[in-house]
PDB file of all heavy atoms in Angstrom:
ATOM      1  N   GLU A   1      67.071  91.093 109.994  1.00  0.00           N
ATOM      2  CA  GLU A   1      67.417  92.161 109.067  1.00  0.00           C
ATOM      3  C   GLU A   1      66.190  93.041 108.897  1.00  0.00           C
ATOM      4  O   GLU A   1      65.082  92.661 109.231  1.00  0.00           O
ATOM      5  CB  GLU A   1      67.895  91.614 107.723  1.00  0.00           C
ATOM      6  CG  GLU A   1      66.805  90.964 106.897  1.00  0.00           C
ATOM      7  CD  GLU A   1      67.332  90.494 105.550  1.00  0.00           C
ATOM      8  OE1 GLU A   1      68.545  90.556 105.314  1.00  0.00           O
ATOM      9  OE2 GLU A   1      66.506  90.062 104.749  1.00  0.00           O
ATOM     10  N   GLY A   2      66.406  94.242 108.368  1.00  0.00           N
ATOM     11  CA  GLY A   2      65.317  95.188 108.165  1.00  0.00           C
ATOM     12  C   GLY A   2      65.174  96.112 109.352  1.00  0.00           C
ATOM     13  O   GLY A   2      66.135  96.413 110.055  1.00  0.00           O
ATOM     14  N   GLY A   3      63.948  96.583 109.559  1.00  0.00           N
ATOM     15  CA  GLY A   3      63.682  97.509 110.647  1.00  0.00           C
ATOM     16  C   GLY A   3      63.686  98.955 110.179  1.00  0.00           C
ATOM     17  O   GLY A   3      64.001  99.252 109.025  1.00  0.00           O
ATOM     18  N   ARG A   4      63.338  99.851 111.083  1.00  0.00           N
ATOM     19  CA  ARG A   4      63.327 101.284 110.762  1.00  0.00           C
ATOM     20  C   ARG A   4      64.757 101.730 110.475  1.00  0.00           C
ATOM     21  O   ARG A   4      65.693 101.378 111.172  1.00  0.00           O
ATOM     22  CB  ARG A   4      62.740 102.069 111.926  1.00  0.00           C
ATOM     23  CG  ARG A   4      62.614 103.570 111.651  1.00  0.00           C
ATOM     24  CD  ARG A   4      61.895 104.315 112.763  1.00  0.00           C
ATOM     25  NE  ARG A   4      62.320 103.982 114.112  1.00  0.00           N
ATOM     26  CZ  ARG A   4      63.401 104.462 114.729  1.00  0.00           C
ATOM     27  NH1 ARG A   4      64.178 105.308 114.123  1.00  0.00           N
ATOM     28  NH2 ARG A   4      63.691 104.101 115.963  1.00  0.00           N
ATOM     29  N   GLY A   5      64.910 102.482 109.395  1.00  0.00           N
ATOM     30  CA  GLY A   5      66.209 103.043 109.054  1.00  0.00           C
ATOM     31  C   GLY A   5      67.230 102.044 108.540  1.00  0.00           C
ATOM     32  O   GLY A   5      68.418 102.323 108.565  1.00  0.00           O
ATOM     33  N   SER A   6      66.790 100.878 108.045  1.00  0.00           N
ATOM     34  CA  SER A   6      67.743  99.895 107.524  1.00  0.00           C
ATOM     35  C   SER A   6      68.361 100.402 106.218  1.00  0.00           C
ATOM     36  O   SER A   6      67.913 101.406 105.655  1.00  0.00           O
ATOM     37  CB  SER A   6      67.058  98.543 107.282  1.00  0.00           C
ATOM     38  OG  SER A   6      66.280  98.583 106.102  1.00  0.00           O
ATOM     39  N   ILE A   7      69.356  99.716 105.738  1.00  0.00           N
ATOM     40  CA  ILE A   7      70.038 100.103 104.504  1.00  0.00           C
ATOM     41  C   ILE A   7      69.047 100.205 103.349  1.00  0.00           C
ATOM     42  O   ILE A   7      69.182 101.056 102.482  1.00  0.00           O
ATOM     43  CB  ILE A   7      71.144  99.081 104.155  1.00  0.00           C
ATOM     44  CG1 ILE A   7      72.174  99.030 105.266  1.00  0.00           C
ATOM     45  CG2 ILE A   7      71.804  99.431 102.828  1.00  0.00           C
ATOM     46  CD1 ILE A   7      73.192  97.932 105.102  1.00  0.00           C
ATOM     47  N   GLN A   8      68.026  99.351 103.333  1.00  0.00           N
ATOM     48  CA  GLN A   8      67.023  99.363 102.277  1.00  0.00           C
ATOM     49  C   GLN A   8      65.847 100.285 102.598  1.00  0.00           C
ATOM     50  O   GLN A   8      64.835 100.243 101.922  1.00  0.00           O
ATOM     51  CB  GLN A   8      66.470  97.951 102.032  1.00  0.00           C
ATOM     52  CG  GLN A   8      67.500  96.938 101.609  1.00  0.00           C
ATOM     53  CD  GLN A   8      68.113  96.196 102.784  1.00  0.00           C
ATOM     54  OE1 GLN A   8      67.582  96.188 103.888  1.00  0.00           O
ATOM     55  NE2 GLN A   8      69.259  95.584 102.562  1.00  0.00           N
ATOM     56  N   GLY A   9      65.964 101.105 103.633  1.00  0.00           N
ATOM     57  CA  GLY A   9      64.860 101.965 104.050  1.00  0.00           C
ATOM     58  C   GLY A   9      64.068 101.295 105.160  1.00  0.00           C
ATOM     59  O   GLY A   9      64.467 100.257 105.682  1.00  0.00           O
ATOM     60  N   ASP A  10      62.946 101.893 105.531  1.00  0.00           N
ATOM     61  CA  ASP A  10      62.111 101.321 106.591  1.00  0.00           C
ATOM     62  C   ASP A  10      61.449 100.056 106.061  1.00  0.00           C
ATOM     63  O   ASP A  10      60.676 100.106 105.109  1.00  0.00           O
ATOM     64  CB  ASP A  10      61.049 102.333 107.042  1.00  0.00           C
ATOM     65  CG  ASP A  10      61.665 103.532 107.747  1.00  0.00           C
ATOM     66  OD1 ASP A  10      62.853 103.460 108.113  1.00  0.00           O
ATOM     67  OD2 ASP A  10      60.960 104.536 107.918  1.00  0.00           O
ATOM     68  N   ARG A  11      61.788  98.922 106.683  1.00  0.00           N
ATOM     69  CA  ARG A  11      61.291  97.621 106.242  1.00  0.00           C
ATOM     70  C   ARG A  11      60.853  96.831 107.459  1.00  0.00           C
ATOM     71  O   ARG A  11      61.299  97.092 108.562  1.00  0.00           O
ATOM     72  CB  ARG A  11      62.399  96.851 105.544  1.00  0.00           C
ATOM     73  CG  ARG A  11      63.089  97.716 104.515  1.00  0.00           C
ATOM     74  CD  ARG A  11      63.378  97.174 103.263  1.00  0.00           C
ATOM     75  NE  ARG A  11      62.544  96.198 102.679  1.00  0.00           N
ATOM     76  CZ  ARG A  11      62.696  95.854 101.437  1.00  0.00           C
ATOM     77  NH1 ARG A  11      63.613  96.412 100.718  1.00  0.00           N
ATOM     78  NH2 ARG A  11      61.932  94.947 100.903  1.00  0.00           N
ATOM     79  N   PRO A  12      60.030  95.807 107.253  1.00  0.00           N
ATOM     80  CA  PRO A  12      59.682  94.934 108.373  1.00  0.00           C
ATOM     81  C   PRO A  12      60.918  94.216 108.904  1.00  0.00           C
ATOM     82  O   PRO A  12      61.875  93.988 108.160  1.00  0.00           O
ATOM     83  CB  PRO A  12      58.719  93.916 107.746  1.00  0.00           C
ATOM     84  CG  PRO A  12      58.222  94.549 106.496  1.00  0.00           C
ATOM     85  CD  PRO A  12      59.315  95.453 106.023  1.00  0.00           C
ATOM     86  N   LEU A  13      60.903  93.881 110.174  1.00  0.00           N
ATOM     87  CA  LEU A  13      61.974  93.079 110.765  1.00  0.00           C
ATOM     88  C   LEU A  13      61.732  91.624 110.385  1.00  0.00           C
ATOM     89  O   LEU A  13      60.664  91.066 110.666  1.00  0.00           O
ATOM     90  CB  LEU A  13      61.983  93.233 112.280  1.00  0.00           C
ATOM     91  CG  LEU A  13      62.639  94.505 112.775  1.00  0.00           C
ATOM     92  CD1 LEU A  13      62.215  94.821 114.203  1.00  0.00           C
ATOM     93  CD2 LEU A  13      64.151  94.409 112.672  1.00  0.00           C
ATOM     94  N   VAL A  14      62.714  91.024 109.738  1.00  0.00           N
ATOM     95  CA  VAL A  14      62.564  89.676 109.202  1.00  0.00           C
ATOM     96  C   VAL A  14      63.705  88.803 109.699  1.00  0.00           C
ATOM     97  O   VAL A  14      64.856  89.252 109.784  1.00  0.00           O
ATOM     98  CB  VAL A  14      62.559  89.729 107.651  1.00  0.00           C
ATOM     99  CG1 VAL A  14      62.538  88.338 107.047  1.00  0.00           C
ATOM    100  CG2 VAL A  14      61.377  90.536 107.152  1.00  0.00           C
ATOM    101  N   ILE A  15      63.378  87.547 110.016  1.00  0.00           N
ATOM    102  CA  ILE A  15      64.403  86.579 110.401  1.00  0.00           C
ATOM    103  C   ILE A  15      65.168  86.208 109.137  1.00  0.00           C
ATOM    104  O   ILE A  15      64.572  85.725 108.175  1.00  0.00           O
ATOM    105  CB  ILE A  15      63.769  85.336 111.058  1.00  0.00           C
ATOM    106  CG1 ILE A  15      63.090  85.738 112.375  1.00  0.00           C
ATOM    107  CG2 ILE A  15      64.811  84.244 111.266  1.00  0.00           C
ATOM    108  CD1 ILE A  15      62.278  84.636 113.031  1.00  0.00           C
ATOM    109  N   ASN A  16      66.483  86.479 109.129  1.00  0.00           N
ATOM    110  CA  ASN A  16      67.245  86.177 107.923  1.00  0.00           C
ATOM    111  C   ASN A  16      68.170  84.977 108.089  1.00  0.00           C
ATOM    112  O   ASN A  16      68.706  84.492 107.111  1.00  0.00           O
ATOM    113  CB  ASN A  16      68.035  87.400 107.421  1.00  0.00           C
ATOM    114  CG  ASN A  16      69.187  87.774 108.312  1.00  0.00           C
ATOM    115  OD1 ASN A  16      69.151  87.545 109.514  1.00  0.00           O
ATOM    116  ND2 ASN A  16      70.211  88.356 107.738  1.00  0.00           N
ATOM    117  N   ARG A  17      68.332  84.496 109.313  1.00  0.00           N
ATOM    118  CA  ARG A  17      69.174  83.324 109.526  1.00  0.00           C
ATOM    119  C   ARG A  17      68.708  82.576 110.761  1.00  0.00           C
ATOM    120  O   ARG A  17      68.418  83.184 111.790  1.00  0.00           O
ATOM    121  CB  ARG A  17      70.622  83.778 109.699  1.00  0.00           C
ATOM    122  CG  ARG A  17      71.596  82.664 109.560  1.00  0.00           C
ATOM    123  CD  ARG A  17      72.991  83.194 109.286  1.00  0.00           C
ATOM    124  NE  ARG A  17      73.915  82.133 109.645  1.00  0.00           N
ATOM    125  CZ  ARG A  17      75.068  82.329 110.236  1.00  0.00           C
ATOM    126  NH1 ARG A  17      75.462  83.536 110.533  1.00  0.00           N
ATOM    127  NH2 ARG A  17      75.833  81.330 110.532  1.00  0.00           N
ATOM    128  N   ILE A  18      68.623  81.269 110.652  1.00  0.00           N
ATOM    129  CA  ILE A  18      68.271  80.391 111.772  1.00  0.00           C
ATOM    130  C   ILE A  18      69.518  79.571 112.090  1.00  0.00           C
ATOM    131  O   ILE A  18      70.091  78.947 111.202  1.00  0.00           O
ATOM    132  CB  ILE A  18      67.109  79.432 111.397  1.00  0.00           C
ATOM    133  CG1 ILE A  18      65.870  80.190 110.954  1.00  0.00           C
ATOM    134  CG2 ILE A  18      66.823  78.462 112.529  1.00  0.00           C
ATOM    135  CD1 ILE A  18      65.047  80.788 112.056  1.00  0.00           C
ATOM    136  N   PHE A  19      69.939  79.579 113.349  1.00  0.00           N
ATOM    137  CA  PHE A  19      71.139  78.851 113.737  1.00  0.00           C
ATOM    138  C   PHE A  19      70.806  77.391 114.039  1.00  0.00           C
ATOM    139  O   PHE A  19      69.838  77.100 114.759  1.00  0.00           O
ATOM    140  CB  PHE A  19      71.797  79.526 114.937  1.00  0.00           C
ATOM    141  CG  PHE A  19      72.146  80.966 114.670  1.00  0.00           C
ATOM    142  CD1 PHE A  19      71.573  81.985 115.413  1.00  0.00           C
ATOM    143  CD2 PHE A  19      73.021  81.303 113.648  1.00  0.00           C
ATOM    144  CE1 PHE A  19      71.874  83.308 115.149  1.00  0.00           C
ATOM    145  CE2 PHE A  19      73.333  82.631 113.381  1.00  0.00           C
ATOM    146  CZ  PHE A  19      72.750  83.630 114.137  1.00  0.00           C
ATOM    147  N   LYS A  20      71.583  76.492 113.454  1.00  0.00           N
ATOM    148  CA  LYS A  20      71.367  75.046 113.598  1.00  0.00           C
ATOM    149  C   LYS A  20      71.324  74.642 115.060  1.00  0.00           C
ATOM    150  O   LYS A  20      72.192  74.995 115.838  1.00  0.00           O
ATOM    151  CB  LYS A  20      72.489  74.269 112.911  1.00  0.00           C
ATOM    152  CG  LYS A  20      72.371  74.240 111.415  1.00  0.00           C
ATOM    153  CD  LYS A  20      71.485  73.104 110.995  1.00  0.00           C
ATOM    154  CE  LYS A  20      71.434  73.003 109.486  1.00  0.00           C
ATOM    155  NZ  LYS A  20      70.097  72.867 108.997  1.00  0.00           N
ATOM    156  N   GLY A  21      70.269  73.886 115.404  1.00  0.00           N
ATOM    157  CA  GLY A  21      70.134  73.351 116.750  1.00  0.00           C
ATOM    158  C   GLY A  21      69.673  74.350 117.790  1.00  0.00           C
ATOM    159  O   GLY A  21      69.499  73.994 118.952  1.00  0.00           O
ATOM    160  N   GLY A  22      69.483  75.600 117.410  1.00  0.00           N
ATOM    161  CA  GLY A  22      69.068  76.628 118.355  1.00  0.00           C
ATOM    162  C   GLY A  22      67.575  76.589 118.652  1.00  0.00           C
ATOM    163  O   GLY A  22      66.806  75.824 118.066  1.00  0.00           O
ATOM    164  N   ALA A  23      67.159  77.432 119.578  1.00  0.00           N
ATOM    165  CA  ALA A  23      65.759  77.484 120.009  1.00  0.00           C
ATOM    166  C   ALA A  23      64.824  77.839 118.854  1.00  0.00           C
ATOM    167  O   ALA A  23      63.725  77.286 118.749  1.00  0.00           O
ATOM    168  CB  ALA A  23      65.611  78.496 121.144  1.00  0.00           C
ATOM    169  N   ALA A  24      65.235  78.742 117.987  1.00  0.00           N
ATOM    170  CA  ALA A  24      64.384  79.148 116.861  1.00  0.00           C
ATOM    171  C   ALA A  24      64.105  77.976 115.932  1.00  0.00           C
ATOM    172  O   ALA A  24      62.963  77.749 115.510  1.00  0.00           O
ATOM    173  CB  ALA A  24      65.041  80.293 116.087  1.00  0.00           C
ATOM    174  N   GLU A  25      65.135  77.206 115.614  1.00  0.00           N
ATOM    175  CA  GLU A  25      64.961  76.037 114.740  1.00  0.00           C
ATOM    176  C   GLU A  25      64.041  75.015 115.394  1.00  0.00           C
ATOM    177  O   GLU A  25      63.140  74.471 114.754  1.00  0.00           O
ATOM    178  CB  GLU A  25      66.316  75.397 114.432  1.00  0.00           C
ATOM    179  CG  GLU A  25      66.205  74.216 113.479  1.00  0.00           C
ATOM    180  CD  GLU A  25      67.539  73.551 113.211  1.00  0.00           C
ATOM    181  OE1 GLU A  25      68.246  73.209 114.184  1.00  0.00           O
ATOM    182  OE2 GLU A  25      67.858  73.377 112.027  1.00  0.00           O
ATOM    183  N   GLN A  26      64.229  74.776 116.683  1.00  0.00           N
ATOM    184  CA  GLN A  26      63.429  73.788 117.404  1.00  0.00           C
ATOM    185  C   GLN A  26      61.963  74.200 117.506  1.00  0.00           C
ATOM    186  O   GLN A  26      61.081  73.354 117.587  1.00  0.00           O
ATOM    187  CB  GLN A  26      64.019  73.545 118.785  1.00  0.00           C
ATOM    188  CG  GLN A  26      65.370  72.864 118.713  1.00  0.00           C
ATOM    189  CD  GLN A  26      66.057  72.792 120.075  1.00  0.00           C
ATOM    190  OE1 GLN A  26      65.475  73.089 121.101  1.00  0.00           O
ATOM    191  NE2 GLN A  26      67.324  72.393 120.063  1.00  0.00           N
ATOM    192  N   SER A  27      61.687  75.505 117.477  1.00  0.00           N
ATOM    193  CA  SER A  27      60.297  75.961 117.596  1.00  0.00           C
ATOM    194  C   SER A  27      59.624  76.129 116.235  1.00  0.00           C
ATOM    195  O   SER A  27      58.471  76.530 116.173  1.00  0.00           O
ATOM    196  CB  SER A  27      60.240  77.278 118.383  1.00  0.00           C
ATOM    197  OG  SER A  27      60.898  78.282 117.657  1.00  0.00           O
ATOM    198  N   GLY A  28      60.354  75.845 115.163  1.00  0.00           N
ATOM    199  CA  GLY A  28      59.745  75.885 113.834  1.00  0.00           C
ATOM    200  C   GLY A  28      59.811  77.228 113.123  1.00  0.00           C
ATOM    201  O   GLY A  28      59.168  77.412 112.085  1.00  0.00           O
ATOM    202  N   LEU A  29      60.575  78.189 113.663  1.00  0.00           N
ATOM    203  CA  LEU A  29      60.724  79.466 112.960  1.00  0.00           C
ATOM    204  C   LEU A  29      61.481  79.235 111.658  1.00  0.00           C
ATOM    205  O   LEU A  29      62.256  78.288 111.539  1.00  0.00           O
ATOM    206  CB  LEU A  29      61.467  80.475 113.836  1.00  0.00           C
ATOM    207  CG  LEU A  29      60.689  80.982 115.038  1.00  0.00           C
ATOM    208  CD1 LEU A  29      61.588  81.807 115.952  1.00  0.00           C
ATOM    209  CD2 LEU A  29      59.495  81.810 114.602  1.00  0.00           C
ATOM    210  N   ARG A  30      61.236  80.114 110.669  1.00  0.00           N
ATOM    211  CA  ARG A  30      61.868  79.970 109.364  1.00  0.00           C
ATOM    212  C   ARG A  30      62.477  81.286 108.918  1.00  0.00           C
ATOM    213  O   ARG A  30      62.003  82.354 109.303  1.00  0.00           O
ATOM    214  CB  ARG A  30      60.839  79.580 108.308  1.00  0.00           C
ATOM    215  CG  ARG A  30      60.114  78.305 108.555  1.00  0.00           C
ATOM    216  CD  ARG A  30      59.185  78.055 107.395  1.00  0.00           C
ATOM    217  NE  ARG A  30      58.105  77.158 107.783  1.00  0.00           N
ATOM    218  CZ  ARG A  30      56.958  77.070 107.163  1.00  0.00           C
ATOM    219  NH1 ARG A  30      56.709  77.837 106.122  1.00  0.00           N
ATOM    220  NH2 ARG A  30      56.041  76.229 107.562  1.00  0.00           N
ATOM    221  N   CYS A  31      63.480  81.201 108.075  1.00  0.00           N
ATOM    222  CA  CYS A  31      64.003  82.399 107.430  1.00  0.00           C
ATOM    223  C   CYS A  31      62.868  83.033 106.637  1.00  0.00           C
ATOM    224  O   CYS A  31      62.088  82.330 105.997  1.00  0.00           O
ATOM    225  CB  CYS A  31      65.152  82.039 106.486  1.00  0.00           C
ATOM    226  SG  CYS A  31      66.636  81.538 107.346  1.00  0.00           S
ATOM    227  N   GLY A  32      62.775  84.348 106.710  1.00  0.00           N
ATOM    228  CA  GLY A  32      61.710  85.056 106.006  1.00  0.00           C
ATOM    229  C   GLY A  32      60.520  85.388 106.890  1.00  0.00           C
ATOM    230  O   GLY A  32      59.687  86.207 106.517  1.00  0.00           O
ATOM    231  N   ASP A  33      60.417  84.750 108.073  1.00  0.00           N
ATOM    232  CA  ASP A  33      59.331  85.087 108.994  1.00  0.00           C
ATOM    233  C   ASP A  33      59.501  86.536 109.443  1.00  0.00           C
ATOM    234  O   ASP A  33      60.602  86.947 109.815  1.00  0.00           O
ATOM    235  CB  ASP A  33      59.336  84.181 110.233  1.00  0.00           C
ATOM    236  CG  ASP A  33      58.864  82.761 109.944  1.00  0.00           C
ATOM    237  OD1 ASP A  33      58.295  82.528 108.861  1.00  0.00           O
ATOM    238  OD2 ASP A  33      59.066  81.893 110.816  1.00  0.00           O
ATOM    239  N   GLU A  34      58.412  87.297 109.396  1.00  0.00           N
ATOM    240  CA  GLU A  34      58.433  88.683 109.859  1.00  0.00           C
ATOM    241  C   GLU A  34      58.143  88.692 111.352  1.00  0.00           C
ATOM    242  O   GLU A  34      57.158  88.117 111.803  1.00  0.00           O
ATOM    243  CB  GLU A  34      57.392  89.500 109.108  1.00  0.00           C
ATOM    244  CG  GLU A  34      57.347  90.946 109.519  1.00  0.00           C
ATOM    245  CD  GLU A  34      56.251  91.743 108.812  1.00  0.00           C
ATOM    246  OE1 GLU A  34      55.664  91.249 107.837  1.00  0.00           O
ATOM    247  OE2 GLU A  34      55.973  92.865 109.275  1.00  0.00           O
ATOM    248  N   LEU A  35      58.996  89.334 112.122  1.00  0.00           N
ATOM    249  CA  LEU A  35      58.832  89.400 113.569  1.00  0.00           C
ATOM    250  C   LEU A  35      58.010  90.638 113.914  1.00  0.00           C
ATOM    251  O   LEU A  35      58.439  91.765 113.667  1.00  0.00           O
ATOM    252  CB  LEU A  35      60.210  89.451 114.237  1.00  0.00           C
ATOM    253  CG  LEU A  35      60.291  89.246 115.730  1.00  0.00           C
ATOM    254  CD1 LEU A  35      59.643  87.926 116.154  1.00  0.00           C
ATOM    255  CD2 LEU A  35      61.742  89.265 116.177  1.00  0.00           C
ATOM    256  N   LEU A  36      56.801  90.432 114.454  1.00  0.00           N
ATOM    257  CA  LEU A  36      55.869  91.527 114.746  1.00  0.00           C
ATOM    258  C   LEU A  36      55.920  91.969 116.208  1.00  0.00           C
ATOM    259  O   LEU A  36      55.864  93.166 116.493  1.00  0.00           O
ATOM    260  CB  LEU A  36      54.438  91.110 114.394  1.00  0.00           C
ATOM    261  CG  LEU A  36      54.184  90.664 112.953  1.00  0.00           C
ATOM    262  CD1 LEU A  36      52.771  90.129 112.809  1.00  0.00           C
ATOM    263  CD2 LEU A  36      54.439  91.804 111.994  1.00  0.00           C
ATOM    264  N   GLN A  37      55.978  90.991 117.133  1.00  0.00           N
ATOM    265  CA  GLN A  37      55.963  91.294 118.564  1.00  0.00           C
ATOM    266  C   GLN A  37      56.870  90.327 119.315  1.00  0.00           C
ATOM    267  O   GLN A  37      57.033  89.184 118.913  1.00  0.00           O
ATOM    268  CB  GLN A  37      54.558  91.134 119.154  1.00  0.00           C
ATOM    269  CG  GLN A  37      53.547  92.129 118.710  1.00  0.00           C
ATOM    270  CD  GLN A  37      52.194  91.871 119.384  1.00  0.00           C
ATOM    271  OE1 GLN A  37      52.078  91.109 120.343  1.00  0.00           O
ATOM    272  NE2 GLN A  37      51.170  92.513 118.864  1.00  0.00           N
ATOM    273  N   VAL A  38      57.413  90.805 120.432  1.00  0.00           N
ATOM    274  CA  VAL A  38      58.160  89.967 121.358  1.00  0.00           C
ATOM    275  C   VAL A  38      57.602  90.240 122.743  1.00  0.00           C
ATOM    276  O   VAL A  38      57.593  91.389 123.194  1.00  0.00           O
ATOM    277  CB  VAL A  38      59.676  90.279 121.314  1.00  0.00           C
ATOM    278  CG1 VAL A  38      60.415  89.484 122.369  1.00  0.00           C
ATOM    279  CG2 VAL A  38      60.249  90.009 119.935  1.00  0.00           C
ATOM    280  N   MET A  39      57.089  89.205 123.386  1.00  0.00           N
ATOM    281  CA  MET A  39      56.503  89.321 124.729  1.00  0.00           C
ATOM    282  C   MET A  39      55.467  90.456 124.783  1.00  0.00           C
ATOM    283  O   MET A  39      55.437  91.239 125.727  1.00  0.00           O
ATOM    284  CB  MET A  39      57.592  89.524 125.784  1.00  0.00           C
ATOM    285  CG  MET A  39      58.594  88.384 125.861  1.00  0.00           C
ATOM    286  SD  MET A  39      57.865  86.783 126.293  1.00  0.00           S
ATOM    287  CE  MET A  39      57.530  86.997 128.032  1.00  0.00           C
ATOM    288  N   GLY A  40      54.642  90.558 123.751  1.00  0.00           N
ATOM    289  CA  GLY A  40      53.565  91.548 123.710  1.00  0.00           C
ATOM    290  C   GLY A  40      53.990  92.943 123.298  1.00  0.00           C
ATOM    291  O   GLY A  40      53.155  93.838 123.192  1.00  0.00           O
ATOM    292  N   VAL A  41      55.274  93.170 123.041  1.00  0.00           N
ATOM    293  CA  VAL A  41      55.760  94.486 122.642  1.00  0.00           C
ATOM    294  C   VAL A  41      55.902  94.531 121.118  1.00  0.00           C
ATOM    295  O   VAL A  41      56.584  93.692 120.529  1.00  0.00           O
ATOM    296  CB  VAL A  41      57.132  94.800 123.301  1.00  0.00           C
ATOM    297  CG1 VAL A  41      57.671  96.134 122.823  1.00  0.00           C
ATOM    298  CG2 VAL A  41      57.007  94.765 124.820  1.00  0.00           C
ATOM    299  N   SER A  42      55.237  95.492 120.496  1.00  0.00           N
ATOM    300  CA  SER A  42      55.294  95.641 119.044  1.00  0.00           C
ATOM    301  C   SER A  42      56.677  96.108 118.601  1.00  0.00           C
ATOM    302  O   SER A  42      57.279  96.986 119.210  1.00  0.00           O
ATOM    303  CB  SER A  42      54.251  96.654 118.578  1.00  0.00           C
ATOM    304  OG  SER A  42      54.430  96.930 117.197  1.00  0.00           O
ATOM    305  N   LEU A  43      57.171  95.509 117.509  1.00  0.00           N
ATOM    306  CA  LEU A  43      58.459  95.891 116.947  1.00  0.00           C
ATOM    307  C   LEU A  43      58.275  96.791 115.730  1.00  0.00           C
ATOM    308  O   LEU A  43      59.235  97.099 115.030  1.00  0.00           O
ATOM    309  CB  LEU A  43      59.253  94.643 116.533  1.00  0.00           C
ATOM    310  CG  LEU A  43      59.479  93.601 117.625  1.00  0.00           C
ATOM    311  CD1 LEU A  43      60.292  92.436 117.084  1.00  0.00           C
ATOM    312  CD2 LEU A  43      60.163  94.204 118.824  1.00  0.00           C
ATOM    313  N   HIS A  44      57.058  97.229 115.497  1.00  0.00           N
ATOM    314  CA  HIS A  44      56.686  97.943 114.279  1.00  0.00           C
ATOM    315  C   HIS A  44      57.616  99.098 113.931  1.00  0.00           C
ATOM    316  O   HIS A  44      58.039  99.236 112.798  1.00  0.00           O
ATOM    317  CB  HIS A  44      55.241  98.436 114.370  1.00  0.00           C
ATOM    318  CG  HIS A  44      54.843  99.320 113.230  1.00  0.00           C
ATOM    319  ND1 HIS A  44      54.692  98.822 111.957  1.00  0.00           N
ATOM    320  CD2 HIS A  44      54.622 100.647 113.155  1.00  0.00           C
ATOM    321  CE1 HIS A  44      54.374  99.822 111.148  1.00  0.00           C
ATOM    322  NE2 HIS A  44      54.326 100.932 111.856  1.00  0.00           N
TER     323      HIS A  44
END
């Protein structure tokens, strides 16, 4: 959720849901974590 132009305005991209048994849960990601980069590409 979030991002540029979101309903709440320009906000950081945040993980709002972790799916049970998925890769994110297994790697220790949590709801509320702000996602800054993916494979070296900024999501700013």
